[in-house]
């Protein structure tokens, strides 16, 4: 487990896919994300400014107007906003 002031995440190596990958579990919500080696390498090569944008919780995590569709975060709009 990796824990800090704002998050607790369980980290494990998952070998049930075609190759090893990381299994990350948000212990607060139970949400799970798998990262394969290419995805991990991509994180390593992100510019700091781009990485900081990904870490902004107001962008996705704590918004009521965002839903998830096929793994992508998609904003939802009311009838007035369309």
PDB file of N, CA and C in Angstrom:
ATOM      1  N   UNK A   1       0.842  -1.170   0.000  1.00  0.00           N
ATOM      2  CA  UNK A   1       0.000   0.000   0.000  1.00  0.00           C
ATOM      3  C   UNK A   1       0.890   1.237   0.000  1.00  0.00           C
ATOM      4  N   UNK A   2       0.439   2.236  -0.748  1.00  0.00           N
ATOM      5  CA  UNK A   2       1.081   3.540  -0.766  1.00  0.00           C
ATOM      6  C   UNK A   2       0.029   4.523  -0.275  1.00  0.00           C
ATOM      7  N   UNK A   3       0.352   5.273   0.765  1.00  0.00           N
ATOM      8  CA  UNK A   3      -0.631   6.178   1.352  1.00  0.00           C
ATOM      9  C   UNK A   3      -0.019   7.542   1.603  1.00  0.00           C
ATOM     10  N   UNK A   4      -0.846   8.542   1.483  1.00  0.00           N
ATOM     11  CA  UNK A   4      -0.455   9.907   1.774  1.00  0.00           C
ATOM     12  C   UNK A   4      -1.638  10.624   2.387  1.00  0.00           C
ATOM     13  N   UNK A   5      -1.524  11.930   2.498  1.00  0.00           N
ATOM     14  CA  UNK A   5      -2.573  12.723   3.126  1.00  0.00           C
ATOM     15  C   UNK A   5      -3.895  12.643   2.368  1.00  0.00           C
ATOM     16  N   UNK A   6      -3.848  12.558   1.031  1.00  0.00           N
ATOM     17  CA  UNK A   6      -5.060  12.637   0.230  1.00  0.00           C
ATOM     18  C   UNK A   6      -5.435  11.350  -0.497  1.00  0.00           C
ATOM     19  N   UNK A   7      -4.633  10.303  -0.389  1.00  0.00           N
ATOM     20  CA  UNK A   7      -4.946   9.078  -1.132  1.00  0.00           C
ATOM     21  C   UNK A   7      -4.306   7.857  -0.486  1.00  0.00           C
ATOM     22  N   UNK A   8      -4.974   6.724  -0.662  1.00  0.00           N
ATOM     23  CA  UNK A   8      -4.433   5.422  -0.266  1.00  0.00           C
ATOM     24  C   UNK A   8      -4.648   4.474  -1.442  1.00  0.00           C
ATOM     25  N   UNK A   9      -3.551   3.928  -1.946  1.00  0.00           N
ATOM     26  CA  UNK A   9      -3.615   3.083  -3.134  1.00  0.00           C
ATOM     27  C   UNK A   9      -2.885   1.775  -2.868  1.00  0.00           C
ATOM     28  N   UNK A  10      -3.549   0.668  -3.185  1.00  0.00           N
ATOM     29  CA  UNK A  10      -2.898  -0.637  -3.131  1.00  0.00           C
ATOM     30  C   UNK A  10      -2.252  -0.881  -4.489  1.00  0.00           C
ATOM     31  N   UNK A  11      -1.014  -1.351  -4.474  1.00  0.00           N
ATOM     32  CA  UNK A  11      -0.257  -1.606  -5.702  1.00  0.00           C
ATOM     33  C   UNK A  11       0.137  -3.077  -5.718  1.00  0.00           C
ATOM     34  N   UNK A  12      -0.159  -3.752  -6.826  1.00  0.00           N
ATOM     35  CA  UNK A  12       0.195  -5.167  -6.958  1.00  0.00           C
ATOM     36  C   UNK A  12       0.569  -5.443  -8.409  1.00  0.00           C
ATOM     37  N   UNK A  13       1.350  -6.483  -8.620  1.00  0.00           N
ATOM     38  CA  UNK A  13       1.653  -6.934  -9.981  1.00  0.00           C
ATOM     39  C   UNK A  13       0.618  -7.985 -10.349  1.00  0.00           C
ATOM     40  N   UNK A  14      -0.044  -7.780 -11.480  1.00  0.00           N
ATOM     41  CA  UNK A  14      -1.071  -8.692 -11.960  1.00  0.00           C
ATOM     42  C   UNK A  14      -0.502  -9.491 -13.132  1.00  0.00           C
ATOM     43  N   UNK A  15      -0.605 -10.798 -13.063  1.00  0.00           N
ATOM     44  CA  UNK A  15      -0.056 -11.659 -14.117  1.00  0.00           C
ATOM     45  C   UNK A  15      -1.147 -12.414 -14.860  1.00  0.00           C
ATOM     46  N   UNK A  16      -2.405 -11.967 -14.766  1.00  0.00           N
ATOM     47  CA  UNK A  16      -3.496 -12.693 -15.416  1.00  0.00           C
ATOM     48  C   UNK A  16      -3.701 -12.285 -16.870  1.00  0.00           C
ATOM     49  N   UNK A  17      -3.085 -11.212 -17.314  1.00  0.00           N
ATOM     50  CA  UNK A  17      -3.213 -10.765 -18.709  1.00  0.00           C
ATOM     51  C   UNK A  17      -2.118 -11.422 -19.552  1.00  0.00           C
ATOM     52  N   UNK A  18      -1.924 -10.918 -20.763  1.00  0.00           N
ATOM     53  CA  UNK A  18      -0.901 -11.478 -21.657  1.00  0.00           C
ATOM     54  C   UNK A  18       0.512 -11.256 -21.150  1.00  0.00           C
ATOM     55  N   UNK A  19       0.681 -10.276 -20.304  1.00  0.00           N
ATOM     56  CA  UNK A  19       1.978  -9.971 -19.710  1.00  0.00           C
ATOM     57  C   UNK A  19       1.759  -9.294 -18.376  1.00  0.00           C
ATOM     58  N   UNK A  20       2.808  -9.129 -17.597  1.00  0.00           N
ATOM     59  CA  UNK A  20       2.631  -8.499 -16.289  1.00  0.00           C
ATOM     60  C   UNK A  20       2.215  -7.038 -16.429  1.00  0.00           C
ATOM     61  N   UNK A  21       1.423  -6.593 -15.484  1.00  0.00           N
ATOM     62  CA  UNK A  21       0.978  -5.205 -15.437  1.00  0.00           C
ATOM     63  C   UNK A  21       0.731  -4.840 -13.987  1.00  0.00           C
ATOM     64  N   UNK A  22       0.689  -3.554 -13.705  1.00  0.00           N
ATOM     65  CA  UNK A  22       0.386  -3.115 -12.350  1.00  0.00           C
ATOM     66  C   UNK A  22      -1.118  -3.024 -12.163  1.00  0.00           C
ATOM     67  N   UNK A  23      -1.568  -3.457 -11.006  1.00  0.00           N
ATOM     68  CA  UNK A  23      -2.961  -3.275 -10.617  1.00  0.00           C
ATOM     69  C   UNK A  23      -2.954  -2.230  -9.513  1.00  0.00           C
ATOM     70  N   UNK A  24      -3.631  -1.122  -9.742  1.00  0.00           N
ATOM     71  CA  UNK A  24      -3.727  -0.039  -8.773  1.00  0.00           C
ATOM     72  C   UNK A  24      -5.165   0.032  -8.285  1.00  0.00           C
ATOM     73  N   UNK A  25      -5.346   0.025  -6.966  1.00  0.00           N
ATOM     74  CA  UNK A  25      -6.684   0.076  -6.388  1.00  0.00           C
ATOM     75  C   UNK A  25      -6.790   1.270  -5.463  1.00  0.00           C
ATOM     76  N   UNK A  26      -7.749   2.153  -5.737  1.00  0.00           N
ATOM     77  CA  UNK A  26      -8.048   3.273  -4.851  1.00  0.00           C
ATOM     78  C   UNK A  26      -8.790   2.685  -3.649  1.00  0.00           C
ATOM     79  N   UNK A  27      -8.168   2.698  -2.497  1.00  0.00           N
ATOM     80  CA  UNK A  27      -8.753   2.051  -1.324  1.00  0.00           C
ATOM     81  C   UNK A  27      -9.959   2.804  -0.777  1.00  0.00           C
ATOM     82  N   UNK A  28     -10.113   4.063  -1.140  1.00  0.00           N
ATOM     83  CA  UNK A  28     -11.271   4.838  -0.689  1.00  0.00           C
ATOM     84  C   UNK A  28     -12.522   4.437  -1.465  1.00  0.00           C
ATOM     85  N   UNK A  29     -12.378   4.238  -2.782  1.00  0.00           N
ATOM     86  CA  UNK A  29     -13.549   3.970  -3.623  1.00  0.00           C
ATOM     87  C   UNK A  29     -13.621   2.540  -4.147  1.00  0.00           C
ATOM     88  N   UNK A  30     -12.495   1.827  -4.117  1.00  0.00           N
ATOM     89  CA  UNK A  30     -12.459   0.492  -4.690  1.00  0.00           C
ATOM     90  C   UNK A  30     -12.213   0.482  -6.192  1.00  0.00           C
ATOM     91  N   UNK A  31     -12.082   1.647  -6.786  1.00  0.00           N
ATOM     92  CA  UNK A  31     -11.833   1.744  -8.234  1.00  0.00           C
ATOM     93  C   UNK A  31     -10.474   1.138  -8.565  1.00  0.00           C
ATOM     94  N   UNK A  32     -10.402   0.373  -9.670  1.00  0.00           N
ATOM     95  CA  UNK A  32      -9.184  -0.328 -10.068  1.00  0.00           C
ATOM     96  C   UNK A  32      -8.742   0.155 -11.447  1.00  0.00           C
ATOM     97  N   UNK A  33      -7.446   0.313 -11.623  1.00  0.00           N
ATOM     98  CA  UNK A  33      -6.850   0.667 -12.922  1.00  0.00           C
ATOM     99  C   UNK A  33      -5.651  -0.245 -13.128  1.00  0.00           C
ATOM    100  N   UNK A  34      -5.510  -0.786 -14.335  1.00  0.00           N
ATOM    101  CA  UNK A  34      -4.354  -1.601 -14.697  1.00  0.00           C
ATOM    102  C   UNK A  34      -3.450  -0.776 -15.599  1.00  0.00           C
ATOM    103  N   UNK A  35      -2.154  -0.837 -15.375  1.00  0.00           N
ATOM    104  CA  UNK A  35      -1.184  -0.142 -16.213  1.00  0.00           C
ATOM    105  C   UNK A  35      -0.172  -1.143 -16.753  1.00  0.00           C
ATOM    106  N   UNK A  36      -0.080  -1.206 -18.088  1.00  0.00           N
ATOM    107  CA  UNK A  36       0.903  -2.098 -18.699  1.00  0.00           C
ATOM    108  C   UNK A  36       2.240  -1.364 -18.822  1.00  0.00           C
ATOM    109  N   UNK A  37       3.306  -2.055 -19.228  1.00  0.00           N
ATOM    110  CA  UNK A  37       4.623  -1.413 -19.292  1.00  0.00           C
ATOM    111  C   UNK A  37       4.660  -0.162 -20.175  1.00  0.00           C
ATOM    112  N   UNK A  38       3.955  -0.168 -21.304  1.00  0.00           N
ATOM    113  CA  UNK A  38       3.955   1.009 -22.170  1.00  0.00           C
ATOM    114  C   UNK A  38       3.301   2.205 -21.477  1.00  0.00           C
ATOM    115  N   UNK A  39       2.210   1.966 -20.781  1.00  0.00           N
ATOM    116  CA  UNK A  39       1.544   3.055 -20.058  1.00  0.00           C
ATOM    117  C   UNK A  39       2.435   3.597 -18.946  1.00  0.00           C
ATOM    118  N   UNK A  40       3.139   2.716 -18.263  1.00  0.00           N
ATOM    119  CA  UNK A  40       4.058   3.165 -17.212  1.00  0.00           C
ATOM    120  C   UNK A  40       5.198   3.992 -17.792  1.00  0.00           C
ATOM    121  N   UNK A  41       5.745   3.544 -18.919  1.00  0.00           N
ATOM    122  CA  UNK A  41       6.823   4.304 -19.545  1.00  0.00           C
ATOM    123  C   UNK A  41       6.329   5.677 -20.004  1.00  0.00           C
ATOM    124  N   UNK A  42       5.107   5.724 -20.494  1.00  0.00           N
ATOM    125  CA  UNK A  42       4.532   7.001 -20.920  1.00  0.00           C
ATOM    126  C   UNK A  42       4.456   7.975 -19.755  1.00  0.00           C
ATOM    127  N   UNK A  43       4.072   7.506 -18.589  1.00  0.00           N
ATOM    128  CA  UNK A  43       4.026   8.365 -17.401  1.00  0.00           C
ATOM    129  C   UNK A  43       5.412   8.906 -17.087  1.00  0.00           C
ATOM    130  N   UNK A  44       6.414   8.063 -17.200  1.00  0.00           N
ATOM    131  CA  UNK A  44       7.786   8.484 -16.907  1.00  0.00           C
ATOM    132  C   UNK A  44       8.228   9.607 -17.840  1.00  0.00           C
ATOM    133  N   UNK A  45       7.817   9.547 -19.110  1.00  0.00           N
ATOM    134  CA  UNK A  45       8.266  10.519 -20.100  1.00  0.00           C
ATOM    135  C   UNK A  45       7.397  11.771 -20.188  1.00  0.00           C
ATOM    136  N   UNK A  46       6.325  11.858 -19.409  1.00  0.00           N
ATOM    137  CA  UNK A  46       5.495  13.063 -19.433  1.00  0.00           C
ATOM    138  C   UNK A  46       6.285  14.268 -18.946  1.00  0.00           C
ATOM    139  N   UNK A  47       6.068  15.401 -19.606  1.00  0.00           N
ATOM    140  CA  UNK A  47       6.641  16.647 -19.088  1.00  0.00           C
ATOM    141  C   UNK A  47       5.979  16.950 -17.751  1.00  0.00           C
ATOM    142  N   UNK A  48       6.710  17.594 -16.854  1.00  0.00           N
ATOM    143  CA  UNK A  48       6.173  17.915 -15.532  1.00  0.00           C
ATOM    144  C   UNK A  48       4.876  18.707 -15.619  1.00  0.00           C
ATOM    145  N   UNK A  49       4.790  19.650 -16.551  1.00  0.00           N
ATOM    146  CA  UNK A  49       3.580  20.469 -16.672  1.00  0.00           C
ATOM    147  C   UNK A  49       2.369  19.615 -17.055  1.00  0.00           C
ATOM    148  N   UNK A  50       2.553  18.650 -17.936  1.00  0.00           N
ATOM    149  CA  UNK A  50       1.456  17.762 -18.331  1.00  0.00           C
ATOM    150  C   UNK A  50       1.076  16.836 -17.171  1.00  0.00           C
ATOM    151  N   UNK A  51       2.066  16.345 -16.461  1.00  0.00           N
ATOM    152  CA  UNK A  51       1.805  15.462 -15.324  1.00  0.00           C
ATOM    153  C   UNK A  51       1.015  16.198 -14.240  1.00  0.00           C
ATOM    154  N   UNK A  52       1.363  17.461 -13.980  1.00  0.00           N
ATOM    155  CA  UNK A  52       0.630  18.250 -12.980  1.00  0.00           C
ATOM    156  C   UNK A  52      -0.835  18.412 -13.377  1.00  0.00           C
ATOM    157  N   UNK A  53      -1.112  18.582 -14.672  1.00  0.00           N
ATOM    158  CA  UNK A  53      -2.497  18.685 -15.133  1.00  0.00           C
ATOM    159  C   UNK A  53      -3.270  17.399 -14.833  1.00  0.00           C
ATOM    160  N   UNK A  54      -2.627  16.265 -15.012  1.00  0.00           N
ATOM    161  CA  UNK A  54      -3.280  14.987 -14.727  1.00  0.00           C
ATOM    162  C   UNK A  54      -3.582  14.818 -13.242  1.00  0.00           C
ATOM    163  N   UNK A  55      -2.772  15.434 -12.400  1.00  0.00           N
ATOM    164  CA  UNK A  55      -2.935  15.296 -10.957  1.00  0.00           C
ATOM    165  C   UNK A  55      -3.964  16.253 -10.366  1.00  0.00           C
ATOM    166  N   UNK A  56      -4.503  17.167 -11.168  1.00  0.00           N
ATOM    167  CA  UNK A  56      -5.481  18.138 -10.678  1.00  0.00           C
ATOM    168  C   UNK A  56      -6.806  17.428 -10.407  1.00  0.00           C
ATOM    169  N   UNK A  57      -7.191  17.244  -9.136  1.00  0.00           N
ATOM    170  CA  UNK A  57      -8.417  16.498  -8.837  1.00  0.00           C
ATOM    171  C   UNK A  57      -9.676  17.198  -9.329  1.00  0.00           C
ATOM    172  N   UNK A  58      -9.633  18.506  -9.504  1.00  0.00           N
ATOM    173  CA  UNK A  58     -10.826  19.210  -9.974  1.00  0.00           C
ATOM    174  C   UNK A  58     -11.100  18.940 -11.451  1.00  0.00           C
ATOM    175  N   UNK A  59     -10.124  18.402 -12.179  1.00  0.00           N
ATOM    176  CA  UNK A  59     -10.308  18.123 -13.600  1.00  0.00           C
ATOM    177  C   UNK A  59     -11.255  16.945 -13.831  1.00  0.00           C
ATOM    178  N   UNK A  60     -11.204  15.925 -12.991  1.00  0.00           N
ATOM    179  CA  UNK A  60     -12.032  14.734 -13.198  1.00  0.00           C
ATOM    180  C   UNK A  60     -12.618  14.149 -11.922  1.00  0.00           C
ATOM    181  N   UNK A  61     -11.816  14.032 -10.903  1.00  0.00           N
ATOM    182  CA  UNK A  61     -12.191  13.222  -9.745  1.00  0.00           C
ATOM    183  C   UNK A  61     -13.358  13.782  -8.948  1.00  0.00           C
ATOM    184  N   UNK A  62     -13.365  15.072  -8.711  1.00  0.00           N
ATOM    185  CA  UNK A  62     -14.370  15.637  -7.813  1.00  0.00           C
ATOM    186  C   UNK A  62     -15.400  16.485  -8.545  1.00  0.00           C
ATOM    187  N   UNK A  63     -15.678  16.152  -9.799  1.00  0.00           N
ATOM    188  CA  UNK A  63     -16.663  16.903 -10.575  1.00  0.00           C
ATOM    189  C   UNK A  63     -17.930  16.085 -10.731  1.00  0.00           C
ATOM    190  N   UNK A  64     -19.079  16.750 -10.630  1.00  0.00           N
ATOM    191  CA  UNK A  64     -20.363  16.084 -10.811  1.00  0.00           C
ATOM    192  C   UNK A  64     -20.758  15.968 -12.276  1.00  0.00           C
ATOM    193  N   UNK A  65     -20.141  16.783 -13.162  1.00  0.00           N
ATOM    194  CA  UNK A  65     -20.551  16.811 -14.566  1.00  0.00           C
ATOM    195  C   UNK A  65     -19.690  15.925 -15.453  1.00  0.00           C
ATOM    196  N   UNK A  66     -19.008  14.938 -14.865  1.00  0.00           N
ATOM    197  CA  UNK A  66     -18.132  14.065 -15.639  1.00  0.00           C
ATOM    198  C   UNK A  66     -18.556  12.617 -15.422  1.00  0.00           C
ATOM    199  N   UNK A  67     -18.666  11.874 -16.525  1.00  0.00           N
ATOM    200  CA  UNK A  67     -18.941  10.438 -16.450  1.00  0.00           C
ATOM    201  C   UNK A  67     -17.861   9.709 -17.217  1.00  0.00           C
ATOM    202  N   UNK A  68     -17.788   8.411 -17.037  1.00  0.00           N
ATOM    203  CA  UNK A  68     -16.777   7.612 -17.734  1.00  0.00           C
ATOM    204  C   UNK A  68     -17.460   6.767 -18.790  1.00  0.00           C
ATOM    205  N   UNK A  69     -16.901   6.790 -19.999  1.00  0.00           N
ATOM    206  CA  UNK A  69     -17.442   6.025 -21.114  1.00  0.00           C
ATOM    207  C   UNK A  69     -16.302   5.310 -21.817  1.00  0.00           C
ATOM    208  N   UNK A  70     -16.312   3.983 -21.796  1.00  0.00           N
ATOM    209  CA  UNK A  70     -15.287   3.167 -22.465  1.00  0.00           C
ATOM    210  C   UNK A  70     -13.883   3.572 -22.041  1.00  0.00           C
ATOM    211  N   UNK A  71     -13.709   3.860 -20.760  1.00  0.00           N
ATOM    212  CA  UNK A  71     -12.388   4.191 -20.248  1.00  0.00           C
ATOM    213  C   UNK A  71     -12.003   5.641 -20.406  1.00  0.00           C
ATOM    214  N   UNK A  72     -12.814   6.434 -21.117  1.00  0.00           N
ATOM    215  CA  UNK A  72     -12.501   7.848 -21.309  1.00  0.00           C
ATOM    216  C   UNK A  72     -13.417   8.690 -20.437  1.00  0.00           C
ATOM    217  N   UNK A  73     -12.894   9.770 -19.930  1.00  0.00           N
ATOM    218  CA  UNK A  73     -13.704  10.683 -19.132  1.00  0.00           C
ATOM    219  C   UNK A  73     -14.404  11.633 -20.086  1.00  0.00           C
ATOM    220  N   UNK A  74     -15.735  11.700 -19.980  1.00  0.00           N
ATOM    221  CA  UNK A  74     -16.537  12.495 -20.901  1.00  0.00           C
ATOM    222  C   UNK A  74     -17.386  13.470 -20.101  1.00  0.00           C
ATOM    223  N   UNK A  75     -17.300  14.800 -20.396  1.00  0.00           N
ATOM    224  CA  UNK A  75     -18.163  15.743 -19.695  1.00  0.00           C
ATOM    225  C   UNK A  75     -19.620  15.488 -20.054  1.00  0.00           C
ATOM    226  N   UNK A  76     -20.509  15.687 -19.106  1.00  0.00           N
ATOM    227  CA  UNK A  76     -21.934  15.594 -19.373  1.00  0.00           C
ATOM    228  C   UNK A  76     -22.518  16.989 -19.247  1.00  0.00           C
ATOM    229  N   UNK A  77     -23.546  17.279 -20.028  1.00  0.00           N
ATOM    230  CA  UNK A  77     -24.121  18.610 -20.054  1.00  0.00           C
ATOM    231  C   UNK A  77     -25.611  18.533 -19.802  1.00  0.00           C
ATOM    232  N   UNK A  78     -26.137  19.557 -19.139  1.00  0.00           N
ATOM    233  CA  UNK A  78     -27.576  19.643 -18.948  1.00  0.00           C
ATOM    234  C   UNK A  78     -28.207  20.107 -20.259  1.00  0.00           C
ATOM    235  N   UNK A  79     -29.530  20.063 -20.352  1.00  0.00           N
ATOM    236  CA  UNK A  79     -30.219  20.494 -21.568  1.00  0.00           C
ATOM    237  C   UNK A  79     -29.933  21.963 -21.869  1.00  0.00           C
ATOM    238  N   UNK A  80     -29.797  22.806 -20.841  1.00  0.00           N
ATOM    239  CA  UNK A  80     -29.526  24.228 -21.047  1.00  0.00           C
ATOM    240  C   UNK A  80     -28.145  24.462 -21.642  1.00  0.00           C
ATOM    241  N   UNK A  81     -27.186  23.593 -21.344  1.00  0.00           N
ATOM    242  CA  UNK A  81     -25.813  23.768 -21.803  1.00  0.00           C
ATOM    243  C   UNK A  81     -25.593  23.255 -23.223  1.00  0.00           C
ATOM    244  N   UNK A  82     -26.513  22.441 -23.747  1.00  0.00           N
ATOM    245  CA  UNK A  82     -26.334  21.847 -25.084  1.00  0.00           C
ATOM    246  C   UNK A  82     -26.572  22.860 -26.176  1.00  0.00           C
TER     247      UNK A  82
END
